[in-house]
Amino acid sequence: MLEKDPERRVGVCRSCGPVRLTQKHGSWRCSNAVRKQRGSKGNKRSRHHGLTADERAEMITQAGVCAICSTPVNEKRGRIDHCHTTNELRGVLCNACNVGLGCFKDSVALLRSAIRYLD
């Protein structure tokens, strides 16, 4: 429960104590809500790929490098690549390669067309 004083832009959460009106979204947030939100991103990612956080970390650590450009990846920078049609895991990529594949919609035909353009 949050008691608010909009004029002073502060409130009091019974579990967290004093809170402020956040600048970014103009909403009241206590530290518990922010902490839960931060934690949910990793949990969502793990549930989405069917991996626990430990399995994801182990997969990235074992790979060590991006499967496309061989850039070293770590637990923070590595991305688990998957087929958007079958949801099958394909490997570990760096963020740039993962975004690149996403921009080409995982289409081999579009990638070949881009290669012809570059040549």
PDB file of N, CA and C in Angstrom:
ATOM      1  N   MET A   1       0.842  -1.182   0.000  1.00  0.00           N
ATOM      2  CA  MET A   1       0.000   0.000   0.000  1.00  0.00           C
ATOM      3  C   MET A   1       0.884   1.241   0.000  1.00  0.00           C
ATOM      4  N   LEU A   2       0.508   2.224  -0.786  1.00  0.00           N
ATOM      5  CA  LEU A   2       1.315   3.427  -0.936  1.00  0.00           C
ATOM      6  C   LEU A   2       0.472   4.648  -0.595  1.00  0.00           C
ATOM      7  N   GLU A   3       0.937   5.447   0.358  1.00  0.00           N
ATOM      8  CA  GLU A   3       0.273   6.704   0.692  1.00  0.00           C
ATOM      9  C   GLU A   3       1.049   7.822   0.005  1.00  0.00           C
ATOM     10  N   LYS A   4       0.327   8.703  -0.765  1.00  0.00           N
ATOM     11  CA  LYS A   4       1.002   9.683  -1.607  1.00  0.00           C
ATOM     12  C   LYS A   4       0.680  11.118  -1.197  1.00  0.00           C
ATOM     13  N   ASP A   5       1.639  11.987  -1.421  1.00  0.00           N
ATOM     14  CA  ASP A   5       1.452  13.430  -1.289  1.00  0.00           C
ATOM     15  C   ASP A   5       1.929  14.039  -2.611  1.00  0.00           C
ATOM     16  N   PRO A   6       1.009  14.192  -3.596  1.00  0.00           N
ATOM     17  CA  PRO A   6       1.403  14.648  -4.931  1.00  0.00           C
ATOM     18  C   PRO A   6       2.089  16.008  -4.959  1.00  0.00           C
ATOM     19  N   GLU A   7       1.739  16.902  -4.043  1.00  0.00           N
ATOM     20  CA  GLU A   7       2.351  18.229  -4.046  1.00  0.00           C
ATOM     21  C   GLU A   7       3.843  18.159  -3.744  1.00  0.00           C
ATOM     22  N   ARG A   8       4.237  17.291  -2.835  1.00  0.00           N
ATOM     23  CA  ARG A   8       5.652  17.156  -2.481  1.00  0.00           C
ATOM     24  C   ARG A   8       6.349  16.101  -3.345  1.00  0.00           C
ATOM     25  N   ARG A   9       5.597  15.408  -4.179  1.00  0.00           N
ATOM     26  CA  ARG A   9       6.119  14.363  -5.072  1.00  0.00           C
ATOM     27  C   ARG A   9       6.816  13.244  -4.297  1.00  0.00           C
ATOM     28  N   VAL A  10       6.312  12.950  -3.108  1.00  0.00           N
ATOM     29  CA  VAL A  10       6.836  11.844  -2.312  1.00  0.00           C
ATOM     30  C   VAL A  10       5.671  11.010  -1.806  1.00  0.00           C
ATOM     31  N   GLY A  11       5.967   9.795  -1.415  1.00  0.00           N
ATOM     32  CA  GLY A  11       4.970   8.904  -0.843  1.00  0.00           C
ATOM     33  C   GLY A  11       5.653   7.984   0.145  1.00  0.00           C
ATOM     34  N   VAL A  12       4.861   7.183   0.832  1.00  0.00           N
ATOM     35  CA  VAL A  12       5.416   6.238   1.791  1.00  0.00           C
ATOM     36  C   VAL A  12       4.832   4.866   1.512  1.00  0.00           C
ATOM     37  N   CYS A  13       5.704   3.921   1.212  1.00  0.00           N
ATOM     38  CA  CYS A  13       5.311   2.530   1.018  1.00  0.00           C
ATOM     39  C   CYS A  13       5.467   1.842   2.372  1.00  0.00           C
ATOM     40  N   ARG A  14       4.479   1.069   2.784  1.00  0.00           N
ATOM     41  CA  ARG A  14       4.538   0.438   4.101  1.00  0.00           C
ATOM     42  C   ARG A  14       5.684  -0.555   4.222  1.00  0.00           C
ATOM     43  N   SER A  15       6.090  -1.162   3.123  1.00  0.00           N
ATOM     44  CA  SER A  15       7.194  -2.128   3.208  1.00  0.00           C
ATOM     45  C   SER A  15       8.547  -1.514   2.872  1.00  0.00           C
ATOM     46  N   CYS A  16       8.584  -0.458   2.037  1.00  0.00           N
ATOM     47  CA  CYS A  16       9.865   0.110   1.580  1.00  0.00           C
ATOM     48  C   CYS A  16      10.243   1.424   2.249  1.00  0.00           C
ATOM     49  N   GLY A  17       9.256   2.162   2.736  1.00  0.00           N
ATOM     50  CA  GLY A  17       9.541   3.470   3.294  1.00  0.00           C
ATOM     51  C   GLY A  17       9.287   4.568   2.277  1.00  0.00           C
ATOM     52  N   PRO A  18      10.034   5.694   2.350  1.00  0.00           N
ATOM     53  CA  PRO A  18       9.790   6.830   1.454  1.00  0.00           C
ATOM     54  C   PRO A  18      10.076   6.483  -0.014  1.00  0.00           C
ATOM     55  N   VAL A  19       9.205   6.942  -0.880  1.00  0.00           N
ATOM     56  CA  VAL A  19       9.397   6.766  -2.326  1.00  0.00           C
ATOM     57  C   VAL A  19       9.133   8.100  -3.005  1.00  0.00           C
ATOM     58  N   ARG A  20       9.621   8.222  -4.231  1.00  0.00           N
ATOM     59  CA  ARG A  20       9.420   9.456  -4.989  1.00  0.00           C
ATOM     60  C   ARG A  20       8.659   9.142  -6.268  1.00  0.00           C
ATOM     61  N   LEU A  21       8.023  10.157  -6.794  1.00  0.00           N
ATOM     62  CA  LEU A  21       7.380  10.051  -8.090  1.00  0.00           C
ATOM     63  C   LEU A  21       8.484   9.906  -9.125  1.00  0.00           C
ATOM     64  N   THR A  22       8.444   8.861  -9.933  1.00  0.00           N
ATOM     65  CA  THR A  22       9.521   8.659 -10.899  1.00  0.00           C
ATOM     66  C   THR A  22       9.409   9.672 -12.026  1.00  0.00           C
ATOM     67  N   GLN A  23      10.540  10.143 -12.497  1.00  0.00           N
ATOM     68  CA  GLN A  23      10.581  11.132 -13.568  1.00  0.00           C
ATOM     69  C   GLN A  23      10.219  10.506 -14.906  1.00  0.00           C
ATOM     70  N   LYS A  24      10.684   9.280 -15.116  1.00  0.00           N
ATOM     71  CA  LYS A  24      10.575   8.670 -16.431  1.00  0.00           C
ATOM     72  C   LYS A  24       9.127   8.417 -16.853  1.00  0.00           C
ATOM     73  N   HIS A  25       8.342   7.856 -15.956  1.00  0.00           N
ATOM     74  CA  HIS A  25       6.989   7.467 -16.338  1.00  0.00           C
ATOM     75  C   HIS A  25       5.908   8.260 -15.615  1.00  0.00           C
ATOM     76  N   GLY A  26       6.311   9.111 -14.677  1.00  0.00           N
ATOM     77  CA  GLY A  26       5.328   9.887 -13.940  1.00  0.00           C
ATOM     78  C   GLY A  26       4.441   9.025 -13.061  1.00  0.00           C
ATOM     79  N   SER A  27       4.959   7.897 -12.592  1.00  0.00           N
ATOM     80  CA  SER A  27       4.163   7.018 -11.738  1.00  0.00           C
ATOM     81  C   SER A  27       4.891   6.778 -10.427  1.00  0.00           C
ATOM     82  N   TRP A  28       4.161   6.323  -9.450  1.00  0.00           N
ATOM     83  CA  TRP A  28       4.736   6.048  -8.140  1.00  0.00           C
ATOM     84  C   TRP A  28       5.323   4.650  -8.149  1.00  0.00           C
ATOM     85  N   ARG A  29       6.580   4.517  -7.742  1.00  0.00           N
ATOM     86  CA  ARG A  29       7.231   3.207  -7.707  1.00  0.00           C
ATOM     87  C   ARG A  29       8.011   3.068  -6.417  1.00  0.00           C
ATOM     88  N   CYS A  30       7.829   1.974  -5.726  1.00  0.00           N
ATOM     89  CA  CYS A  30       8.650   1.709  -4.550  1.00  0.00           C
ATOM     90  C   CYS A  30       9.809   0.811  -4.977  1.00  0.00           C
ATOM     91  N   SER A  31      10.816   0.706  -4.153  1.00  0.00           N
ATOM     92  CA  SER A  31      11.996  -0.078  -4.538  1.00  0.00           C
ATOM     93  C   SER A  31      11.657  -1.549  -4.719  1.00  0.00           C
ATOM     94  N   ASN A  32      10.663  -2.062  -3.996  1.00  0.00           N
ATOM     95  CA  ASN A  32      10.247  -3.449  -4.180  1.00  0.00           C
ATOM     96  C   ASN A  32       9.717  -3.671  -5.589  1.00  0.00           C
ATOM     97  N   ALA A  33       8.894  -2.743  -6.087  1.00  0.00           N
ATOM     98  CA  ALA A  33       8.332  -2.875  -7.428  1.00  0.00           C
ATOM     99  C   ALA A  33       9.429  -2.836  -8.478  1.00  0.00           C
ATOM    100  N   VAL A  34      10.398  -1.944  -8.303  1.00  0.00           N
ATOM    101  CA  VAL A  34      11.504  -1.837  -9.255  1.00  0.00           C
ATOM    102  C   VAL A  34      12.335  -3.112  -9.231  1.00  0.00           C
ATOM    103  N   ARG A  35      12.611  -3.630  -8.038  1.00  0.00           N
ATOM    104  CA  ARG A  35      13.403  -4.852  -7.905  1.00  0.00           C
ATOM    105  C   ARG A  35      12.687  -6.034  -8.566  1.00  0.00           C
ATOM    106  N   LYS A  36      11.383  -6.139  -8.362  1.00  0.00           N
ATOM    107  CA  LYS A  36      10.613  -7.229  -8.966  1.00  0.00           C
ATOM    108  C   LYS A  36      10.639  -7.114 -10.482  1.00  0.00           C
ATOM    109  N   GLN A  37      10.532  -5.879 -10.992  1.00  0.00           N
ATOM    110  CA  GLN A  37      10.536  -5.675 -12.432  1.00  0.00           C
ATOM    111  C   GLN A  37      11.882  -6.069 -13.027  1.00  0.00           C
ATOM    112  N   ARG A  38      12.977  -5.688 -12.371  1.00  0.00           N
ATOM    113  CA  ARG A  38      14.306  -6.046 -12.871  1.00  0.00           C
ATOM    114  C   ARG A  38      14.482  -7.553 -12.910  1.00  0.00           C
ATOM    115  N   GLY A  39      14.018  -8.230 -11.879  1.00  0.00           N
ATOM    116  CA  GLY A  39      14.157  -9.676 -11.804  1.00  0.00           C
ATOM    117  C   GLY A  39      13.309 -10.401 -12.824  1.00  0.00           C
ATOM    118  N   SER A  40      12.198  -9.814 -13.225  1.00  0.00           N
ATOM    119  CA  SER A  40      11.292 -10.509 -14.128  1.00  0.00           C
ATOM    120  C   SER A  40      11.850 -10.615 -15.539  1.00  0.00           C
ATOM    121  N   LYS A  41      12.739  -9.711 -15.952  1.00  0.00           N
ATOM    122  CA  LYS A  41      13.283  -9.769 -17.308  1.00  0.00           C
ATOM    123  C   LYS A  41      14.052 -11.064 -17.531  1.00  0.00           C
ATOM    124  N   GLY A  42      14.941 -11.383 -16.623  1.00  0.00           N
ATOM    125  CA  GLY A  42      15.705 -12.616 -16.749  1.00  0.00           C
ATOM    126  C   GLY A  42      14.826 -13.843 -16.652  1.00  0.00           C
ATOM    127  N   ASN A  43      13.832 -13.800 -15.768  1.00  0.00           N
ATOM    128  CA  ASN A  43      12.931 -14.929 -15.625  1.00  0.00           C
ATOM    129  C   ASN A  43      12.122 -15.138 -16.888  1.00  0.00           C
ATOM    130  N   LYS A  44      11.657 -14.060 -17.498  1.00  0.00           N
ATOM    131  CA  LYS A  44      10.880 -14.169 -18.724  1.00  0.00           C
ATOM    132  C   LYS A  44      11.734 -14.778 -19.831  1.00  0.00           C
ATOM    133  N   ARG A  45      12.968 -14.298 -19.942  1.00  0.00           N
ATOM    134  CA  ARG A  45      13.856 -14.808 -20.971  1.00  0.00           C
ATOM    135  C   ARG A  45      14.066 -16.308 -20.773  1.00  0.00           C
ATOM    136  N   SER A  46      14.287 -16.736 -19.548  1.00  0.00           N
ATOM    137  CA  SER A  46      14.526 -18.146 -19.276  1.00  0.00           C
ATOM    138  C   SER A  46      13.290 -18.971 -19.581  1.00  0.00           C
ATOM    139  N   ARG A  47      12.129 -18.492 -19.185  1.00  0.00           N
ATOM    140  CA  ARG A  47      10.902 -19.236 -19.461  1.00  0.00           C
ATOM    141  C   ARG A  47      10.656 -19.306 -20.957  1.00  0.00           C
ATOM    142  N   HIS A  48      10.953 -18.225 -21.666  1.00  0.00           N
ATOM    143  CA  HIS A  48      10.689 -18.166 -23.101  1.00  0.00           C
ATOM    144  C   HIS A  48      11.500 -19.212 -23.860  1.00  0.00           C
ATOM    145  N   HIS A  49      12.740 -19.395 -23.492  1.00  0.00           N
ATOM    146  CA  HIS A  49      13.589 -20.351 -24.189  1.00  0.00           C
ATOM    147  C   HIS A  49      13.578 -21.718 -23.533  1.00  0.00           C
ATOM    148  N   GLY A  50      12.848 -21.874 -22.451  1.00  0.00           N
ATOM    149  CA  GLY A  50      12.805 -23.154 -21.764  1.00  0.00           C
ATOM    150  C   GLY A  50      14.081 -23.467 -21.007  1.00  0.00           C
ATOM    151  N   LEU A  51      14.863 -22.447 -20.690  1.00  0.00           N
ATOM    152  CA  LEU A  51      16.115 -22.636 -19.965  1.00  0.00           C
ATOM    153  C   LEU A  51      16.021 -21.971 -18.603  1.00  0.00           C
ATOM    154  N   THR A  52      16.668 -22.559 -17.619  1.00  0.00           N
ATOM    155  CA  THR A  52      16.817 -21.859 -16.347  1.00  0.00           C
ATOM    156  C   THR A  52      17.945 -20.846 -16.523  1.00  0.00           C
ATOM    157  N   ALA A  53      18.063 -19.941 -15.588  1.00  0.00           N
ATOM    158  CA  ALA A  53      19.139 -18.944 -15.654  1.00  0.00           C
ATOM    159  C   ALA A  53      20.501 -19.631 -15.636  1.00  0.00           C
ATOM    160  N   ASP A  54      20.637 -20.705 -14.855  1.00  0.00           N
ATOM    161  CA  ASP A  54      21.912 -21.435 -14.791  1.00  0.00           C
ATOM    162  C   ASP A  54      22.224 -22.133 -16.109  1.00  0.00           C
ATOM    163  N   GLU A  55      21.207 -22.737 -16.743  1.00  0.00           N
ATOM    164  CA  GLU A  55      21.420 -23.409 -18.033  1.00  0.00           C
ATOM    165  C   GLU A  55      21.825 -22.403 -19.105  1.00  0.00           C
ATOM    166  N   ARG A  56      21.188 -21.226 -19.079  1.00  0.00           N
ATOM    167  CA  ARG A  56      21.528 -20.177 -20.044  1.00  0.00           C
ATOM    168  C   ARG A  56      22.975 -19.736 -19.855  1.00  0.00           C
ATOM    169  N   ALA A  57      23.355 -19.490 -18.601  1.00  0.00           N
ATOM    170  CA  ALA A  57      24.725 -19.056 -18.300  1.00  0.00           C
ATOM    171  C   ALA A  57      25.729 -20.116 -18.727  1.00  0.00           C
ATOM    172  N   GLU A  58      25.415 -21.384 -18.470  1.00  0.00           N
ATOM    173  CA  GLU A  58      26.319 -22.472 -18.845  1.00  0.00           C
ATOM    174  C   GLU A  58      26.464 -22.572 -20.364  1.00  0.00           C
ATOM    175  N   MET A  59      25.355 -22.415 -21.081  1.00  0.00           N
ATOM    176  CA  MET A  59      25.393 -22.486 -22.545  1.00  0.00           C
ATOM    177  C   MET A  59      26.286 -21.382 -23.118  1.00  0.00           C
ATOM    178  N   ILE A  60      26.167 -20.177 -22.591  1.00  0.00           N
ATOM    179  CA  ILE A  60      26.969 -19.052 -23.074  1.00  0.00           C
ATOM    180  C   ILE A  60      28.432 -19.241 -22.705  1.00  0.00           C
ATOM    181  N   THR A  61      28.695 -19.700 -21.488  1.00  0.00           N
ATOM    182  CA  THR A  61      30.073 -19.916 -21.040  1.00  0.00           C
ATOM    183  C   THR A  61      30.758 -20.986 -21.878  1.00  0.00           C
ATOM    184  N   GLN A  62      30.042 -22.064 -22.190  1.00  0.00           N
ATOM    185  CA  GLN A  62      30.626 -23.142 -22.991  1.00  0.00           C
ATOM    186  C   GLN A  62      30.949 -22.666 -24.399  1.00  0.00           C
ATOM    187  N   ALA A  63      30.073 -21.848 -24.974  1.00  0.00           N
ATOM    188  CA  ALA A  63      30.322 -21.360 -26.332  1.00  0.00           C
ATOM    189  C   ALA A  63      31.528 -20.423 -26.329  1.00  0.00           C
ATOM    190  N   GLY A  64      31.510 -19.432 -25.459  1.00  0.00           N
ATOM    191  CA  GLY A  64      32.644 -18.518 -25.326  1.00  0.00           C
ATOM    192  C   GLY A  64      32.765 -17.460 -26.400  1.00  0.00           C
ATOM    193  N   VAL A  65      32.341 -17.775 -27.630  1.00  0.00           N
ATOM    194  CA  VAL A  65      32.426 -16.815 -28.739  1.00  0.00           C
ATOM    195  C   VAL A  65      31.133 -16.850 -29.548  1.00  0.00           C
ATOM    196  N   CYS A  66      30.883 -15.774 -30.276  1.00  0.00           N
ATOM    197  CA  CYS A  66      29.724 -15.686 -31.164  1.00  0.00           C
ATOM    198  C   CYS A  66      29.877 -16.709 -32.291  1.00  0.00           C
ATOM    199  N   ALA A  67      28.811 -17.417 -32.607  1.00  0.00           N
ATOM    200  CA  ALA A  67      28.841 -18.442 -33.650  1.00  0.00           C
ATOM    201  C   ALA A  67      29.024 -17.849 -35.048  1.00  0.00           C
ATOM    202  N   ILE A  68      28.782 -16.555 -35.223  1.00  0.00           N
ATOM    203  CA  ILE A  68      28.912 -15.928 -36.539  1.00  0.00           C
ATOM    204  C   ILE A  68      30.238 -15.201 -36.692  1.00  0.00           C
ATOM    205  N   CYS A  69      30.558 -14.289 -35.772  1.00  0.00           N
ATOM    206  CA  CYS A  69      31.739 -13.431 -35.956  1.00  0.00           C
ATOM    207  C   CYS A  69      32.908 -13.773 -35.034  1.00  0.00           C
ATOM    208  N   SER A  70      32.736 -14.751 -34.160  1.00  0.00           N
ATOM    209  CA  SER A  70      33.773 -15.218 -33.224  1.00  0.00           C
ATOM    210  C   SER A  70      34.197 -14.171 -32.193  1.00  0.00           C
ATOM    211  N   THR A  71      33.376 -13.152 -31.984  1.00  0.00           N
ATOM    212  CA  THR A  71      33.639 -12.186 -30.917  1.00  0.00           C
ATOM    213  C   THR A  71      33.430 -12.885 -29.579  1.00  0.00           C
ATOM    214  N   PRO A  72      34.346 -12.686 -28.626  1.00  0.00           N
ATOM    215  CA  PRO A  72      34.140 -13.300 -27.305  1.00  0.00           C
ATOM    216  C   PRO A  72      32.837 -12.798 -26.666  1.00  0.00           C
ATOM    217  N   VAL A  73      32.077 -13.718 -26.087  1.00  0.00           N
ATOM    218  CA  VAL A  73      30.842 -13.359 -25.385  1.00  0.00           C
ATOM    219  C   VAL A  73      30.913 -13.881 -23.958  1.00  0.00           C
ATOM    220  N   ASN A  74      30.235 -13.182 -23.078  1.00  0.00           N
ATOM    221  CA  ASN A  74      30.137 -13.647 -21.698  1.00  0.00           C
ATOM    222  C   ASN A  74      28.661 -13.728 -21.336  1.00  0.00           C
ATOM    223  N   GLU A  75      28.397 -14.049 -20.090  1.00  0.00           N
ATOM    224  CA  GLU A  75      27.021 -14.224 -19.638  1.00  0.00           C
ATOM    225  C   GLU A  75      26.177 -12.971 -19.851  1.00  0.00           C
ATOM    226  N   LYS A  76      26.793 -11.806 -19.696  1.00  0.00           N
ATOM    227  CA  LYS A  76      26.059 -10.550 -19.840  1.00  0.00           C
ATOM    228  C   LYS A  76      25.849 -10.185 -21.314  1.00  0.00           C
ATOM    229  N   ARG A  77      26.834 -10.427 -22.153  1.00  0.00           N
ATOM    230  CA  ARG A  77      26.785  -9.988 -23.551  1.00  0.00           C
ATOM    231  C   ARG A  77      26.254 -11.043 -24.525  1.00  0.00           C
ATOM    232  N   GLY A  78      26.281 -12.295 -24.132  1.00  0.00           N
ATOM    233  CA  GLY A  78      25.849 -13.362 -25.030  1.00  0.00           C
ATOM    234  C   GLY A  78      24.336 -13.405 -25.185  1.00  0.00           C
ATOM    235  N   ARG A  79      23.886 -13.782 -26.364  1.00  0.00           N
ATOM    236  CA  ARG A  79      22.457 -13.919 -26.651  1.00  0.00           C
ATOM    237  C   ARG A  79      22.194 -15.340 -27.132  1.00  0.00           C
ATOM    238  N   ILE A  80      21.132 -15.932 -26.624  1.00  0.00           N
ATOM    239  CA  ILE A  80      20.737 -17.259 -27.078  1.00  0.00           C
ATOM    240  C   ILE A  80      19.895 -17.061 -28.332  1.00  0.00           C
ATOM    241  N   ASP A  81      20.371 -17.570 -29.456  1.00  0.00           N
ATOM    242  CA  ASP A  81      19.647 -17.440 -30.716  1.00  0.00           C
ATOM    243  C   ASP A  81      18.690 -18.614 -30.857  1.00  0.00           C
ATOM    244  N   HIS A  82      17.518 -18.344 -31.412  1.00  0.00           N
ATOM    245  CA  HIS A  82      16.537 -19.407 -31.622  1.00  0.00           C
ATOM    246  C   HIS A  82      15.739 -19.125 -32.888  1.00  0.00           C
ATOM    247  N   CYS A  83      15.183 -20.184 -33.445  1.00  0.00           N
ATOM    248  CA  CYS A  83      14.330 -20.077 -34.623  1.00  0.00           C
ATOM    249  C   CYS A  83      12.973 -19.544 -34.168  1.00  0.00           C
ATOM    250  N   HIS A  84      12.497 -18.501 -34.791  1.00  0.00           N
ATOM    251  CA  HIS A  84      11.222 -17.914 -34.390  1.00  0.00           C
ATOM    252  C   HIS A  84      10.038 -18.756 -34.838  1.00  0.00           C
ATOM    253  N   THR A  85      10.250 -19.668 -35.779  1.00  0.00           N
ATOM    254  CA  THR A  85       9.172 -20.540 -36.234  1.00  0.00           C
ATOM    255  C   THR A  85       9.028 -21.756 -35.333  1.00  0.00           C
ATOM    256  N   THR A  86      10.156 -22.438 -35.067  1.00  0.00           N
ATOM    257  CA  THR A  86      10.117 -23.680 -34.284  1.00  0.00           C
ATOM    258  C   THR A  86      10.488 -23.475 -32.821  1.00  0.00           C
ATOM    259  N   ASN A  87      11.045 -22.320 -32.490  1.00  0.00           N
ATOM    260  CA  ASN A  87      11.557 -21.992 -31.151  1.00  0.00           C
ATOM    261  C   ASN A  87      12.743 -22.875 -30.757  1.00  0.00           C
ATOM    262  N   GLU A  88      13.346 -23.553 -31.722  1.00  0.00           N
ATOM    263  CA  GLU A  88      14.513 -24.401 -31.469  1.00  0.00           C
ATOM    264  C   GLU A  88      15.744 -23.520 -31.248  1.00  0.00           C
ATOM    265  N   LEU A  89      16.518 -23.843 -30.213  1.00  0.00           N
ATOM    266  CA  LEU A  89      17.738 -23.089 -29.932  1.00  0.00           C
ATOM    267  C   LEU A  89      18.787 -23.407 -30.983  1.00  0.00           C
ATOM    268  N   ARG A  90      19.471 -22.356 -31.471  1.00  0.00           N
ATOM    269  CA  ARG A  90      20.493 -22.554 -32.502  1.00  0.00           C
ATOM    270  C   ARG A  90      21.899 -22.353 -31.987  1.00  0.00           C
ATOM    271  N   GLY A  91      22.084 -21.475 -31.019  1.00  0.00           N
ATOM    272  CA  GLY A  91      23.430 -21.239 -30.525  1.00  0.00           C
ATOM    273  C   GLY A  91      23.536 -19.911 -29.818  1.00  0.00           C
ATOM    274  N   VAL A  92      24.779 -19.489 -29.605  1.00  0.00           N
ATOM    275  CA  VAL A  92      25.069 -18.255 -28.880  1.00  0.00           C
ATOM    276  C   VAL A  92      25.635 -17.229 -29.852  1.00  0.00           C
ATOM    277  N   LEU A  93      25.082 -16.018 -29.807  1.00  0.00           N
ATOM    278  CA  LEU A  93      25.535 -14.931 -30.674  1.00  0.00           C
ATOM    279  C   LEU A  93      25.856 -13.700 -29.839  1.00  0.00           C
ATOM    280  N   CYS A  94      26.670 -12.816 -30.403  1.00  0.00           N
ATOM    281  CA  CYS A  94      26.849 -11.501 -29.786  1.00  0.00           C
ATOM    282  C   CYS A  94      25.595 -10.688 -30.119  1.00  0.00           C
ATOM    283  N   ASN A  95      25.401  -9.581 -29.451  1.00  0.00           N
ATOM    284  CA  ASN A  95      24.200  -8.785 -29.666  1.00  0.00           C
ATOM    285  C   ASN A  95      24.104  -8.271 -31.101  1.00  0.00           C
ATOM    286  N   ALA A  96      25.217  -7.820 -31.669  1.00  0.00           N
ATOM    287  CA  ALA A  96      25.190  -7.262 -33.029  1.00  0.00           C
ATOM    288  C   ALA A  96      24.721  -8.300 -34.047  1.00  0.00           C
ATOM    289  N   CYS A  97      25.247  -9.507 -33.963  1.00  0.00           N
ATOM    290  CA  CYS A  97      24.843 -10.559 -34.904  1.00  0.00           C
ATOM    291  C   CYS A  97      23.398 -10.980 -34.671  1.00  0.00           C
ATOM    292  N   ASN A  98      22.984 -11.031 -33.415  1.00  0.00           N
ATOM    293  CA  ASN A  98      21.610 -11.399 -33.100  1.00  0.00           C
ATOM    294  C   ASN A  98      20.629 -10.371 -33.666  1.00  0.00           C
ATOM    295  N   VAL A  99      20.950  -9.089 -33.500  1.00  0.00           N
ATOM    296  CA  VAL A  99      20.103  -8.025 -34.038  1.00  0.00           C
ATOM    297  C   VAL A  99      20.116  -8.082 -35.565  1.00  0.00           C
ATOM    298  N   GLY A 100      21.289  -8.333 -36.151  1.00  0.00           N
ATOM    299  CA  GLY A 100      21.394  -8.429 -37.607  1.00  0.00           C
ATOM    300  C   GLY A 100      20.498  -9.511 -38.177  1.00  0.00           C
ATOM    301  N   LEU A 101      20.528 -10.685 -37.566  1.00  0.00           N
ATOM    302  CA  LEU A 101      19.651 -11.764 -38.034  1.00  0.00           C
ATOM    303  C   LEU A 101      18.192 -11.363 -37.888  1.00  0.00           C
ATOM    304  N   GLY A 102      17.873 -10.703 -36.792  1.00  0.00           N
ATOM    305  CA  GLY A 102      16.501 -10.260 -36.569  1.00  0.00           C
ATOM    306  C   GLY A 102      16.052  -9.261 -37.622  1.00  0.00           C
ATOM    307  N   CYS A 103      16.945  -8.365 -38.027  1.00  0.00           N
ATOM    308  CA  CYS A 103      16.609  -7.380 -39.060  1.00  0.00           C
ATOM    309  C   CYS A 103      16.322  -8.047 -40.400  1.00  0.00           C
ATOM    310  N   PHE A 104      16.971  -9.177 -40.636  1.00  0.00           N
ATOM    311  CA  PHE A 104      16.740  -9.921 -41.877  1.00  0.00           C
ATOM    312  C   PHE A 104      15.660 -10.984 -41.699  1.00  0.00           C
ATOM    313  N   LYS A 105      14.964 -10.938 -40.568  1.00  0.00           N
ATOM    314  CA  LYS A 105      13.834 -11.830 -40.285  1.00  0.00           C
ATOM    315  C   LYS A 105      14.213 -13.302 -40.413  1.00  0.00           C
ATOM    316  N   ASP A 106      15.463 -13.631 -40.099  1.00  0.00           N
ATOM    317  CA  ASP A 106      15.975 -15.008 -40.185  1.00  0.00           C
ATOM    318  C   ASP A 106      15.798 -15.602 -41.586  1.00  0.00           C
ATOM    319  N   SER A 107      15.745 -14.748 -42.598  1.00  0.00           N
ATOM    320  CA  SER A 107      15.519 -15.200 -43.970  1.00  0.00           C
ATOM    321  C   SER A 107      16.847 -15.385 -44.707  1.00  0.00           C
ATOM    322  N   VAL A 108      17.108 -16.619 -45.125  1.00  0.00           N
ATOM    323  CA  VAL A 108      18.321 -16.914 -45.890  1.00  0.00           C
ATOM    324  C   VAL A 108      18.294 -16.152 -47.216  1.00  0.00           C
ATOM    325  N   ALA A 109      17.128 -16.049 -47.833  1.00  0.00           N
ATOM    326  CA  ALA A 109      17.008 -15.338 -49.112  1.00  0.00           C
ATOM    327  C   ALA A 109      17.379 -13.861 -48.954  1.00  0.00           C
ATOM    328  N   LEU A 110      16.910 -13.227 -47.893  1.00  0.00           N
ATOM    329  CA  LEU A 110      17.257 -11.820 -47.666  1.00  0.00           C
ATOM    330  C   LEU A 110      18.747 -11.661 -47.384  1.00  0.00           C
ATOM    331  N   LEU A 111      19.319 -12.584 -46.619  1.00  0.00           N
ATOM    332  CA  LEU A 111      20.755 -12.520 -46.331  1.00  0.00           C
ATOM    333  C   LEU A 111      21.576 -12.690 -47.607  1.00  0.00           C
ATOM    334  N   ARG A 112      21.166 -13.617 -48.473  1.00  0.00           N
ATOM    335  CA  ARG A 112      21.879 -13.801 -49.755  1.00  0.00           C
ATOM    336  C   ARG A 112      21.770 -12.546 -50.616  1.00  0.00           C
ATOM    337  N   SER A 113      20.602 -11.932 -50.609  1.00  0.00           N
ATOM    338  CA  SER A 113      20.404 -10.698 -51.364  1.00  0.00           C
ATOM    339  C   SER A 113      21.320  -9.593 -50.832  1.00  0.00           C
ATOM    340  N   ALA A 114      21.468  -9.513 -49.519  1.00  0.00           N
ATOM    341  CA  ALA A 114      22.364  -8.525 -48.909  1.00  0.00           C
ATOM    342  C   ALA A 114      23.813  -8.801 -49.293  1.00  0.00           C
ATOM    343  N   ILE A 115      24.204 -10.071 -49.335  1.00  0.00           N
ATOM    344  CA  ILE A 115      25.572 -10.435 -49.733  1.00  0.00           C
ATOM    345  C   ILE A 115      25.822 -10.029 -51.179  1.00  0.00           C
ATOM    346  N   ARG A 116      24.856 -10.298 -52.063  1.00  0.00           N
ATOM    347  CA  ARG A 116      25.004  -9.891 -53.470  1.00  0.00           C
ATOM    348  C   ARG A 116      25.145  -8.374 -53.569  1.00  0.00           C
ATOM    349  N   TYR A 117      24.379  -7.654 -52.782  1.00  0.00           N
ATOM    350  CA  TYR A 117      24.446  -6.195 -52.781  1.00  0.00           C
ATOM    351  C   TYR A 117      25.835  -5.719 -52.354  1.00  0.00           C
ATOM    352  N   LEU A 118      26.388  -6.340 -51.315  1.00  0.00           N
ATOM    353  CA  LEU A 118      27.706  -5.943 -50.822  1.00  0.00           C
ATOM    354  C   LEU A 118      28.818  -6.301 -51.804  1.00  0.00           C
ATOM    355  N   ASP A 119      28.648  -7.378 -52.538  1.00  0.00           N
ATOM    356  CA  ASP A 119      29.666  -7.782 -53.524  1.00  0.00           C
ATOM    357  C   ASP A 119      29.625  -6.833 -54.686  1.00  0.00           C
TER     358      ASP A 119
END
